[in-house]
Amino acid sequence: MTKTELQMALAEATQTNKRIAGVFLDTLSVLAYKEIKKNGEFVLPGFGKLVKQKRKARTGFNPKTQQKIKIPAKTVVKFRVAKAAKDAVLATKK
């Protein structure tokens, strides 16, 4: 689903126009970025959470030359899916 399709779906569901839905999406992303930077995580209830996580330095290799290289430590952002979202998408028949 593209951003435009998402905007149209949100506008239809909330009975607003596409522009307001676009502002909502942009504001949500800005809030998420600020919150992750400040507190290290941003939670969307029932959907999941974005989490800032540190990766250790490690040794990798160049697949072309097979030469070992050092990969430095860095901070990354990961998304953890909520249990409710997993259950809704991966519902198993009993």
Protein backbone atom coordinates (compact mmCIF):
# COMPACT_ATOMS: atom_id res chain seq x y z
CA MET A 1 0.00 0.00 0.00
CA THR A 2 1.46 3.36 -1.03
CA LYS A 3 1.29 6.55 1.00
CA THR A 4 -1.37 7.93 -1.37
CA GLU A 5 -3.50 4.80 -0.99
CA LEU A 6 -3.10 4.98 2.77
CA GLN A 7 -4.13 8.66 2.77
CA MET A 8 -7.24 7.88 0.72
CA ALA A 9 -8.19 4.98 3.00
CA LEU A 10 -7.73 7.12 6.13
CA ALA A 11 -9.68 10.00 4.62
CA GLU A 12 -12.55 7.69 3.73
CA ALA A 13 -12.57 5.96 7.13
CA THR A 14 -12.52 9.24 9.07
CA GLN A 15 -14.78 11.12 6.64
CA THR A 16 -12.19 13.84 6.01
CA ASN A 17 -10.22 14.79 2.94
CA LYS A 18 -6.95 13.39 1.62
CA ARG A 19 -4.95 16.47 2.67
CA ILE A 20 -5.94 16.15 6.33
CA ALA A 21 -5.13 12.44 6.27
CA GLY A 22 -1.71 13.29 4.81
CA VAL A 23 -1.07 15.84 7.57
CA PHE A 24 -2.05 13.18 10.13
CA LEU A 25 0.45 10.68 8.68
CA ASP A 26 3.24 13.25 8.52
CA THR A 27 2.56 14.40 12.09
CA LEU A 28 2.52 10.80 13.34
CA SER A 29 5.91 10.10 11.77
CA VAL A 30 7.43 13.32 13.18
CA LEU A 31 6.10 12.47 16.65
CA ALA A 32 7.50 8.93 16.36
CA TYR A 33 10.97 10.20 15.38
CA LYS A 34 11.07 12.72 18.23
CA GLU A 35 9.90 10.15 20.78
CA ILE A 36 12.43 7.53 19.66
CA LYS A 37 15.24 10.06 19.80
CA LYS A 38 14.17 11.23 23.28
CA ASN A 39 13.06 8.02 25.04
CA GLY A 40 14.32 5.21 22.82
CA GLU A 41 10.90 3.84 21.88
CA PHE A 42 7.54 4.79 20.35
CA VAL A 43 4.46 2.63 20.93
CA LEU A 44 1.46 2.31 18.62
CA PRO A 45 -1.03 0.34 20.76
CA GLY A 46 -2.26 -2.83 19.07
CA PHE A 47 0.22 -2.39 16.21
CA GLY A 48 3.73 -2.49 17.65
CA LYS A 49 6.61 -0.36 18.81
CA LEU A 50 9.67 1.27 17.29
CA VAL A 51 12.72 0.69 19.49
CA LYS A 52 16.20 2.21 19.35
CA GLN A 53 18.77 -0.52 19.90
CA LYS A 54 22.56 -0.67 20.04
CA ARG A 55 24.44 -3.24 17.96
CA LYS A 56 27.83 -4.54 19.04
CA ALA A 57 30.88 -4.33 16.82
CA ARG A 58 31.43 -7.55 14.91
CA THR A 59 33.57 -9.17 12.26
CA GLY A 60 32.12 -9.67 8.81
CA PHE A 61 33.57 -10.53 5.44
CA ASN A 62 33.50 -9.19 1.93
CA PRO A 63 31.78 -11.91 -0.13
CA LYS A 64 33.62 -10.88 -3.29
CA THR A 65 37.17 -11.05 -1.87
CA GLN A 66 36.51 -13.24 1.20
CA GLN A 67 38.50 -10.68 3.20
CA LYS A 68 37.51 -10.19 6.86
CA ILE A 69 36.38 -6.70 7.81
CA LYS A 70 35.46 -5.06 11.09
CA ILE A 71 31.90 -3.74 11.30
CA PRO A 72 31.71 -0.95 13.91
CA ALA A 73 29.10 -0.72 16.65
CA LYS A 74 26.07 1.38 15.79
CA THR A 75 22.57 2.29 16.89
CA VAL A 76 19.60 1.08 14.81
CA VAL A 77 15.81 1.40 14.94
CA LYS A 78 13.80 -1.83 15.00
CA PHE A 79 10.07 -2.47 14.85
CA ARG A 80 8.55 -5.01 17.22
CA VAL A 81 5.11 -6.21 16.20
CA ALA A 82 2.46 -6.32 18.93
CA LYS A 83 0.87 -9.64 19.87
CA ALA A 84 -2.56 -8.33 18.86
CA ALA A 85 -1.26 -7.57 15.35
CA LYS A 86 0.38 -10.98 15.06
CA ASP A 87 -2.82 -12.71 16.15
CA ALA A 88 -4.93 -10.67 13.72
CA VAL A 89 -2.69 -11.42 10.75
CA LEU A 90 -1.58 -14.94 11.59
CA ALA A 91 -4.89 -16.23 12.98
CA THR A 92 -4.80 -20.02 12.99
CA LYS A 93 -7.86 -22.16 12.57
CA LYS A 94 -8.67 -24.43 15.50
